[in-house]
Amino acid sequence: MRYTLIACRSRTDVAARLSYAAKIIKEFLNSWKQGVIEIGKAYQEGADFKTLAEVFIEKHYAFSEEDILFKPTFTAEKVFRNTKTDAISYFVKGDISEDKGFALKPWETIEVDELNFLLEDNFLASMGTFLFKPLNEDEVTKVAFTFIFTEINDSIKIKVHHSSPVF
């Protein structure tokens, strides 16, 4: 995995702020990846994947606290999913007819291939690529993503999510 620290404009210790930003973003992305994989496992095992998806959304996205912009990877008819209900529909099939349940695939692995950070004062963003490998398949899907974060109760959540396949 490649990491690029893009910018830091602050009057405090730049190195310490960048190090902290890198740490929390890596931890967040690991949690996000594992959450998507766990939803798919629960679906395969006949467990309560919908509740798991709701907990995943609550943990990783700020829908309950703020307005969110969410452009998922594979959408066409309804491109944006800016409500919690629409986001859950995207991940586990809901009321939107085009949704197939992105997290239900299931994914065997999700790897961060490239990761860039932007930290300026109180602004924190990451941009990079994920490699999604479905269970029992060899083909890997490369997806570019941008996450802009908001801090809520000493943790970060996604405020803006944009992702699209890389061809």
Foldseek 3Di string as FASTA:
>chain_A
DAEAEDDEDDPPDRVVVSVVLVVQVVVLVVLLFVLLQVLQVCVVVVHDSLVSLLVSCVVAACQVPDFAWAQDADDDPPRTQGHSQSVSCQQCNDDDVVRPHVSNLPFPGKAWPYKYWYYYPQWIKMWGWIWTHGPPDDDTWIKIKIFTWDDDPNHIHGRYIHMYTDD
